[in-house]
Amino acid sequence: MILTQKPAYHRHITMGSAMNTHGHHVLDARGRVLGRLAVIVAALLRGKHRTCYAYNAAPCTAVTVVNCGHVRISGRKAADKVYCRHSGFPGGLRRTKLRDLMLRSPEVILRSAVRGMLPRNRLREGFMSMLRTRTDEEAGR
């Protein structure tokens, strides 16, 4: 017997055009804990709130987070957590404490937390390009 169609349990239905519809979410970070906010933002960027979610496709959902400077840090992380970056030159490792980075550019903290919660694959940079962060001064614009 020759089967011309795949059985129903082998068929894969995609929602190509439904994934391309643009969505936009604005979240207020004032008083929210950093990690809990980052979980929500990462899920929205991946499109897990949509009925047509697909792990291998990036939805066109933009997320804007306002008041990044007023995000809450739990525990002793403000004093203990260290962000590292390297210039590429010998001895070029730079360390910055969370409390110092919070005063200079709080958007970097939120972007780093969200980036760590996204999958480590080719889609990650596309997800991060859909994330916009605003400090309190820029929130009204």
N, C-alpha and C. Protein backbone atom coordinates (compact mmCIF):
# COMPACT_ATOMS: atom_id res chain seq x y z
N MET A 1 0.83 -1.17 0.00
CA MET A 1 0.00 0.00 0.00
C MET A 1 0.89 1.25 0.00
N ILE A 2 0.60 2.19 -0.88
CA ILE A 2 1.36 3.42 -1.00
C ILE A 2 0.53 4.56 -0.43
N LEU A 3 1.13 5.26 0.51
CA LEU A 3 0.45 6.41 1.12
C LEU A 3 0.79 7.67 0.34
N THR A 4 -0.20 8.43 -0.02
CA THR A 4 0.05 9.67 -0.75
C THR A 4 0.10 10.88 0.17
N GLN A 5 -0.49 10.77 1.34
CA GLN A 5 -0.46 11.87 2.29
C GLN A 5 0.15 11.39 3.60
N LYS A 6 0.72 12.32 4.31
CA LYS A 6 1.23 11.99 5.64
C LYS A 6 0.05 11.78 6.58
N PRO A 7 0.22 10.92 7.55
CA PRO A 7 -0.84 10.79 8.56
C PRO A 7 -1.03 12.10 9.31
N ALA A 8 -2.16 12.26 9.94
CA ALA A 8 -2.51 13.52 10.61
C ALA A 8 -1.51 13.87 11.69
N TYR A 9 -0.95 12.89 12.37
CA TYR A 9 -0.03 13.19 13.46
C TYR A 9 1.35 13.59 12.93
N HIS A 10 1.61 13.47 11.63
CA HIS A 10 2.88 13.89 11.05
C HIS A 10 2.79 15.25 10.37
N ARG A 11 1.60 15.77 10.23
CA ARG A 11 1.45 17.06 9.55
C ARG A 11 1.87 18.20 10.47
N HIS A 12 2.44 19.21 9.86
CA HIS A 12 2.88 20.38 10.61
C HIS A 12 2.21 21.60 10.01
N ILE A 13 1.46 22.30 10.81
CA ILE A 13 0.75 23.48 10.33
C ILE A 13 1.50 24.71 10.82
N THR A 14 1.78 25.64 9.91
CA THR A 14 2.46 26.87 10.30
C THR A 14 1.52 28.04 10.13
N MET A 15 1.78 29.06 10.90
CA MET A 15 0.98 30.28 10.86
C MET A 15 1.89 31.40 10.37
N GLY A 16 2.38 31.29 9.16
CA GLY A 16 3.36 32.25 8.64
C GLY A 16 2.89 33.68 8.65
N SER A 17 1.75 33.97 8.08
CA SER A 17 1.30 35.36 8.00
C SER A 17 0.84 35.88 9.35
N ALA A 18 0.36 35.01 10.22
CA ALA A 18 -0.08 35.45 11.54
C ALA A 18 1.10 35.87 12.41
N MET A 19 2.28 35.27 12.18
CA MET A 19 3.45 35.64 12.96
C MET A 19 4.01 36.99 12.53
N ASN A 20 3.69 37.44 11.34
CA ASN A 20 4.23 38.70 10.84
C ASN A 20 3.41 39.92 11.23
N THR A 21 2.30 39.72 11.92
CA THR A 21 1.52 40.88 12.35
C THR A 21 2.28 41.58 13.46
N HIS A 22 2.32 42.88 13.37
CA HIS A 22 3.10 43.66 14.33
C HIS A 22 2.32 43.88 15.62
N GLY A 23 2.99 43.74 16.72
CA GLY A 23 2.41 44.03 18.01
C GLY A 23 3.36 44.92 18.79
N HIS A 24 2.85 45.64 19.75
CA HIS A 24 3.70 46.53 20.54
C HIS A 24 3.20 46.52 21.98
N HIS A 25 4.12 46.37 22.91
CA HIS A 25 3.80 46.36 24.34
C HIS A 25 4.66 47.41 25.03
N VAL A 26 4.06 48.16 25.94
CA VAL A 26 4.79 49.14 26.74
C VAL A 26 4.66 48.71 28.20
N LEU A 27 5.80 48.51 28.86
CA LEU A 27 5.83 48.08 30.26
C LEU A 27 6.49 49.16 31.10
N ASP A 28 5.98 49.35 32.30
CA ASP A 28 6.56 50.31 33.24
C ASP A 28 7.38 49.53 34.25
N ALA A 29 8.67 49.86 34.38
CA ALA A 29 9.57 49.14 35.27
C ALA A 29 9.58 49.71 36.68
N ARG A 30 8.83 50.76 36.94
CA ARG A 30 8.86 51.41 38.25
C ARG A 30 8.39 50.46 39.34
N GLY A 31 9.30 50.16 40.29
CA GLY A 31 8.96 49.31 41.43
C GLY A 31 8.95 47.82 41.16
N ARG A 32 9.27 47.39 39.95
CA ARG A 32 9.28 45.96 39.64
C ARG A 32 10.67 45.38 39.88
N VAL A 33 10.72 44.12 40.28
CA VAL A 33 11.99 43.44 40.49
C VAL A 33 12.61 43.12 39.13
N LEU A 34 13.91 43.31 39.01
CA LEU A 34 14.60 43.19 37.73
C LEU A 34 14.39 41.83 37.06
N GLY A 35 14.61 40.76 37.77
CA GLY A 35 14.51 39.43 37.18
C GLY A 35 13.10 39.07 36.75
N ARG A 36 12.13 39.45 37.56
CA ARG A 36 10.73 39.14 37.22
C ARG A 36 10.28 39.93 36.00
N LEU A 37 10.74 41.17 35.89
CA LEU A 37 10.42 41.98 34.72
C LEU A 37 11.10 41.41 33.48
N ALA A 38 12.34 40.95 33.62
CA ALA A 38 13.07 40.39 32.48
C ALA A 38 12.40 39.12 31.95
N VAL A 39 11.82 38.32 32.82
CA VAL A 39 11.10 37.11 32.40
C VAL A 39 9.91 37.49 31.53
N ILE A 40 9.16 38.50 31.95
CA ILE A 40 7.98 38.94 31.20
C ILE A 40 8.39 39.49 29.84
N VAL A 41 9.44 40.32 29.82
CA VAL A 41 9.89 40.92 28.57
C VAL A 41 10.39 39.85 27.60
N ALA A 42 11.16 38.87 28.11
CA ALA A 42 11.68 37.81 27.24
C ALA A 42 10.55 36.98 26.64
N ALA A 43 9.53 36.69 27.43
CA ALA A 43 8.39 35.91 26.91
C ALA A 43 7.63 36.70 25.85
N LEU A 44 7.46 38.00 26.06
CA LEU A 44 6.77 38.83 25.06
C LEU A 44 7.58 38.93 23.77
N LEU A 45 8.90 39.08 23.88
CA LEU A 45 9.75 39.18 22.70
C LEU A 45 9.72 37.89 21.88
N ARG A 46 9.66 36.76 22.55
CA ARG A 46 9.63 35.47 21.86
C ARG A 46 8.26 35.16 21.27
N GLY A 47 7.23 35.87 21.72
CA GLY A 47 5.89 35.65 21.18
C GLY A 47 5.15 34.53 21.86
N LYS A 48 5.52 34.18 23.09
CA LYS A 48 4.89 33.06 23.78
C LYS A 48 3.47 33.38 24.23
N HIS A 49 3.08 34.63 24.15
CA HIS A 49 1.72 35.02 24.53
C HIS A 49 0.75 34.84 23.37
N ARG A 50 1.24 34.53 22.20
CA ARG A 50 0.40 34.41 21.01
C ARG A 50 -0.03 32.96 20.79
N THR A 51 -1.17 32.80 20.16
CA THR A 51 -1.65 31.45 19.88
C THR A 51 -0.86 30.79 18.76
N CYS A 52 -0.20 31.58 17.94
CA CYS A 52 0.57 31.02 16.83
C CYS A 52 2.06 30.99 17.15
N TYR A 53 2.42 30.73 18.41
CA TYR A 53 3.81 30.69 18.83
C TYR A 53 4.54 29.55 18.12
N ALA A 54 5.72 29.84 17.62
CA ALA A 54 6.60 28.82 17.04
C ALA A 54 8.01 29.08 17.55
N TYR A 55 8.66 28.05 18.05
CA TYR A 55 9.98 28.23 18.64
C TYR A 55 11.03 28.63 17.61
N ASN A 56 10.78 28.34 16.33
CA ASN A 56 11.78 28.60 15.30
C ASN A 56 11.50 29.85 14.48
N ALA A 57 10.57 30.67 14.92
CA ALA A 57 10.23 31.89 14.18
C ALA A 57 10.18 33.07 15.14
N ALA A 58 10.68 34.19 14.68
CA ALA A 58 10.67 35.40 15.51
C ALA A 58 9.46 36.25 15.14
N PRO A 59 8.57 36.50 16.09
CA PRO A 59 7.42 37.35 15.79
C PRO A 59 7.84 38.81 15.73
N CYS A 60 7.04 39.63 15.10
CA CYS A 60 7.33 41.06 15.01
C CYS A 60 6.66 41.79 16.17
N THR A 61 7.05 41.45 17.37
CA THR A 61 6.47 42.05 18.56
C THR A 61 7.52 42.95 19.20
N ALA A 62 7.24 44.23 19.29
CA ALA A 62 8.16 45.18 19.91
C ALA A 62 7.75 45.39 21.37
N VAL A 63 8.74 45.54 22.23
CA VAL A 63 8.50 45.78 23.65
C VAL A 63 9.29 47.02 24.05
N THR A 64 8.62 47.98 24.66
CA THR A 64 9.26 49.18 25.19
C THR A 64 9.12 49.17 26.70
N VAL A 65 10.24 49.32 27.39
CA VAL A 65 10.24 49.37 28.85
C VAL A 65 10.62 50.78 29.26
N VAL A 66 9.73 51.45 30.00
CA VAL A 66 9.99 52.81 30.46
C VAL A 66 10.34 52.79 31.94
N ASN A 67 10.98 53.85 32.41
CA ASN A 67 11.41 54.01 33.80
C ASN A 67 12.37 52.91 34.23
N CYS A 68 13.37 52.61 33.41
CA CYS A 68 14.35 51.58 33.74
C CYS A 68 15.17 51.94 34.98
N GLY A 69 15.30 53.21 35.26
CA GLY A 69 16.08 53.64 36.41
C GLY A 69 15.43 53.35 37.74
N HIS A 70 14.15 53.01 37.74
CA HIS A 70 13.43 52.76 38.99
C HIS A 70 13.14 51.29 39.21
N VAL A 71 13.87 50.41 38.53
CA VAL A 71 13.67 48.98 38.73
C VAL A 71 14.28 48.59 40.09
N ARG A 72 13.65 47.61 40.76
CA ARG A 72 14.13 47.18 42.08
C ARG A 72 15.13 46.05 41.93
N ILE A 73 16.14 46.07 42.80
CA ILE A 73 17.14 45.02 42.85
C ILE A 73 16.97 44.33 44.19
N SER A 74 16.77 43.02 44.18
CA SER A 74 16.52 42.30 45.43
C SER A 74 17.83 41.80 46.03
N GLY A 75 17.82 41.61 47.33
CA GLY A 75 18.97 41.06 48.03
C GLY A 75 20.16 42.00 48.05
N ARG A 76 21.35 41.41 48.06
CA ARG A 76 22.58 42.20 48.11
C ARG A 76 23.21 42.37 46.74
N LYS A 77 22.43 42.16 45.70
CA LYS A 77 22.99 42.22 44.35
C LYS A 77 23.54 43.60 43.99
N ALA A 78 22.97 44.64 44.55
CA ALA A 78 23.44 45.99 44.22
C ALA A 78 24.91 46.17 44.60
N ALA A 79 25.33 45.54 45.68
CA ALA A 79 26.71 45.68 46.13
C ALA A 79 27.61 44.56 45.59
N ASP A 80 27.04 43.38 45.34
CA ASP A 80 27.86 42.21 45.02
C ASP A 80 27.96 41.89 43.53
N LYS A 81 26.91 42.15 42.77
CA LYS A 81 26.90 41.73 41.36
C LYS A 81 27.85 42.58 40.54
N VAL A 82 28.62 41.93 39.68
CA VAL A 82 29.62 42.61 38.87
C VAL A 82 29.37 42.29 37.40
N TYR A 83 29.36 43.32 36.55
CA TYR A 83 29.25 43.16 35.10
C TYR A 83 30.64 43.30 34.51
N CYS A 84 31.03 42.36 33.64
CA CYS A 84 32.36 42.37 33.05
C CYS A 84 32.26 42.58 31.54
N ARG A 85 33.23 43.29 31.01
CA ARG A 85 33.36 43.43 29.56
C ARG A 85 34.86 43.48 29.25
N HIS A 86 35.21 43.12 28.03
CA HIS A 86 36.61 43.06 27.65
C HIS A 86 36.83 43.88 26.39
N SER A 87 37.91 44.66 26.38
CA SER A 87 38.19 45.53 25.24
C SER A 87 38.83 44.77 24.09
N GLY A 88 39.36 43.59 24.35
CA GLY A 88 40.03 42.82 23.31
C GLY A 88 41.55 42.95 23.38
N PHE A 89 42.03 43.89 24.17
CA PHE A 89 43.46 44.06 24.36
C PHE A 89 43.91 43.33 25.62
N PRO A 90 45.20 42.99 25.71
CA PRO A 90 45.68 42.32 26.92
C PRO A 90 45.45 43.19 28.16
N GLY A 91 44.90 42.61 29.18
CA GLY A 91 44.60 43.34 30.41
C GLY A 91 43.40 44.24 30.28
N GLY A 92 42.57 44.02 29.29
CA GLY A 92 41.45 44.91 29.02
C GLY A 92 40.14 44.49 29.65
N LEU A 93 40.18 43.70 30.71
CA LEU A 93 38.95 43.29 31.39
C LEU A 93 38.47 44.42 32.30
N ARG A 94 37.26 44.88 32.08
CA ARG A 94 36.69 45.97 32.88
C ARG A 94 35.54 45.41 33.70
N ARG A 95 35.55 45.72 34.98
CA ARG A 95 34.49 45.27 35.88
C ARG A 95 33.73 46.48 36.40
N THR A 96 32.40 46.35 36.43
CA THR A 96 31.56 47.43 36.93
C THR A 96 30.53 46.84 37.88
N LYS A 97 30.40 47.43 39.06
CA LYS A 97 29.39 46.95 40.01
C LYS A 97 28.01 47.41 39.57
N LEU A 98 27.01 46.66 40.00
CA LEU A 98 25.64 46.94 39.60
C LEU A 98 25.19 48.33 40.05
N ARG A 99 25.56 48.74 41.26
CA ARG A 99 25.10 50.05 41.75
C ARG A 99 25.72 51.19 40.94
N ASP A 100 26.97 51.03 40.47
CA ASP A 100 27.60 52.06 39.64
C ASP A 100 26.96 52.12 38.26
N LEU A 101 26.66 50.95 37.71
CA LEU A 101 26.03 50.89 36.40
C LEU A 101 24.60 51.41 36.45
N MET A 102 23.93 51.24 37.58
CA MET A 102 22.56 51.73 37.74
C MET A 102 22.53 53.25 37.70
N LEU A 103 23.55 53.90 38.22
CA LEU A 103 23.61 55.36 38.19
C LEU A 103 23.93 55.88 36.79
N ARG A 104 24.82 55.18 36.08
CA ARG A 104 25.25 55.64 34.76
C ARG A 104 24.25 55.31 33.66
N SER A 105 23.91 54.03 33.51
CA SER A 105 23.01 53.63 32.42
C SER A 105 22.20 52.40 32.85
N PRO A 106 21.03 52.63 33.42
CA PRO A 106 20.21 51.51 33.90
C PRO A 106 19.65 50.65 32.77
N GLU A 107 19.63 51.16 31.53
CA GLU A 107 19.11 50.36 30.42
C GLU A 107 20.00 49.14 30.17
N VAL A 108 21.30 49.29 30.40
CA VAL A 108 22.24 48.19 30.15
C VAL A 108 21.92 47.01 31.07
N ILE A 109 21.52 47.30 32.30
CA ILE A 109 21.21 46.24 33.26
C ILE A 109 20.01 45.44 32.79
N LEU A 110 18.96 46.13 32.37
CA LEU A 110 17.76 45.43 31.91
C LEU A 110 18.03 44.66 30.63
N ARG A 111 18.75 45.26 29.69
CA ARG A 111 19.05 44.57 28.44
C ARG A 111 19.89 43.32 28.69
N SER A 112 20.82 43.40 29.63
CA SER A 112 21.65 42.24 29.95
C SER A 112 20.83 41.13 30.58
N ALA A 113 19.89 41.48 31.45
CA ALA A 113 19.04 40.48 32.09
C ALA A 113 18.13 39.80 31.07
N VAL A 114 17.55 40.58 30.16
CA VAL A 114 16.67 40.01 29.14
C VAL A 114 17.47 39.15 28.18
N ARG A 115 18.65 39.61 27.79
CA ARG A 115 19.50 38.85 26.87
C ARG A 115 19.86 37.49 27.45
N GLY A 116 20.10 37.43 28.74
CA GLY A 116 20.42 36.16 29.39
C GLY A 116 19.26 35.20 29.44
N MET A 117 18.04 35.69 29.27
CA MET A 117 16.85 34.83 29.33
C MET A 117 16.34 34.43 27.95
N LEU A 118 17.00 34.88 26.91
CA LEU A 118 16.61 34.50 25.55
C LEU A 118 17.45 33.31 25.10
N PRO A 119 16.96 32.53 24.14
CA PRO A 119 17.73 31.37 23.69
C PRO A 119 19.02 31.79 22.99
N ARG A 120 20.04 30.97 23.16
CA ARG A 120 21.35 31.26 22.56
C ARG A 120 21.39 30.68 21.15
N ASN A 121 20.74 31.36 20.22
CA ASN A 121 20.73 30.91 18.84
C ASN A 121 20.67 32.12 17.91
N ARG A 122 20.42 31.88 16.63
CA ARG A 122 20.44 32.97 15.65
C ARG A 122 19.32 33.97 15.84
N LEU A 123 18.27 33.59 16.51
CA LEU A 123 17.13 34.48 16.68
C LEU A 123 17.35 35.52 17.78
N ARG A 124 18.34 35.31 18.63
CA ARG A 124 18.52 36.17 19.80
C ARG A 124 18.72 37.64 19.44
N GLU A 125 19.54 37.92 18.46
CA GLU A 125 19.79 39.32 18.09
C GLU A 125 18.55 39.97 17.49
N GLY A 126 17.75 39.19 16.79
CA GLY A 126 16.49 39.72 16.27
C GLY A 126 15.53 40.07 17.39
N PHE A 127 15.49 39.23 18.42
CA PHE A 127 14.66 39.52 19.59
C PHE A 127 15.14 40.79 20.28
N MET A 128 16.45 40.91 20.45
CA MET A 128 17.00 42.07 21.16
C MET A 128 16.80 43.36 20.37
N SER A 129 16.74 43.28 19.06
CA SER A 129 16.53 44.49 18.27
C SER A 129 15.11 45.02 18.43
N MET A 130 14.19 44.17 18.89
CA MET A 130 12.80 44.60 19.10
C MET A 130 12.58 45.15 20.51
N LEU A 131 13.62 45.19 21.33
CA LEU A 131 13.50 45.70 22.70
C LEU A 131 13.97 47.15 22.74
N ARG A 132 13.13 48.03 23.26
CA ARG A 132 13.47 49.44 23.45
C ARG A 132 13.42 49.72 24.94
N THR A 133 14.42 50.43 25.44
CA THR A 133 14.44 50.79 26.85
C THR A 133 14.52 52.31 26.96
N ARG A 134 13.82 52.84 27.94
CA ARG A 134 13.79 54.29 28.18
C ARG A 134 14.01 54.55 29.67
N THR A 135 14.80 55.58 29.96
CA THR A 135 14.95 56.00 31.35
C THR A 135 13.82 56.96 31.69
N ASP A 136 13.81 57.43 32.94
CA ASP A 136 12.71 58.29 33.39
C ASP A 136 12.66 59.61 32.62
N GLU A 137 13.81 60.17 32.25
CA GLU A 137 13.81 61.44 31.54
C GLU A 137 13.22 61.29 30.14
N GLU A 138 13.42 60.12 29.53
CA GLU A 138 12.98 59.90 28.15
C GLU A 138 11.57 59.33 28.08
N ALA A 139 10.97 59.00 29.22
CA ALA A 139 9.69 58.28 29.21
C ALA A 139 8.56 59.10 28.61
N GLY A 140 8.61 60.41 28.76
CA GLY A 140 7.53 61.24 28.25
C GLY A 140 7.57 61.46 26.75
N ARG A 141 8.68 61.14 26.11
CA ARG A 141 8.82 61.39 24.67
C ARG A 141 8.18 60.32 23.84
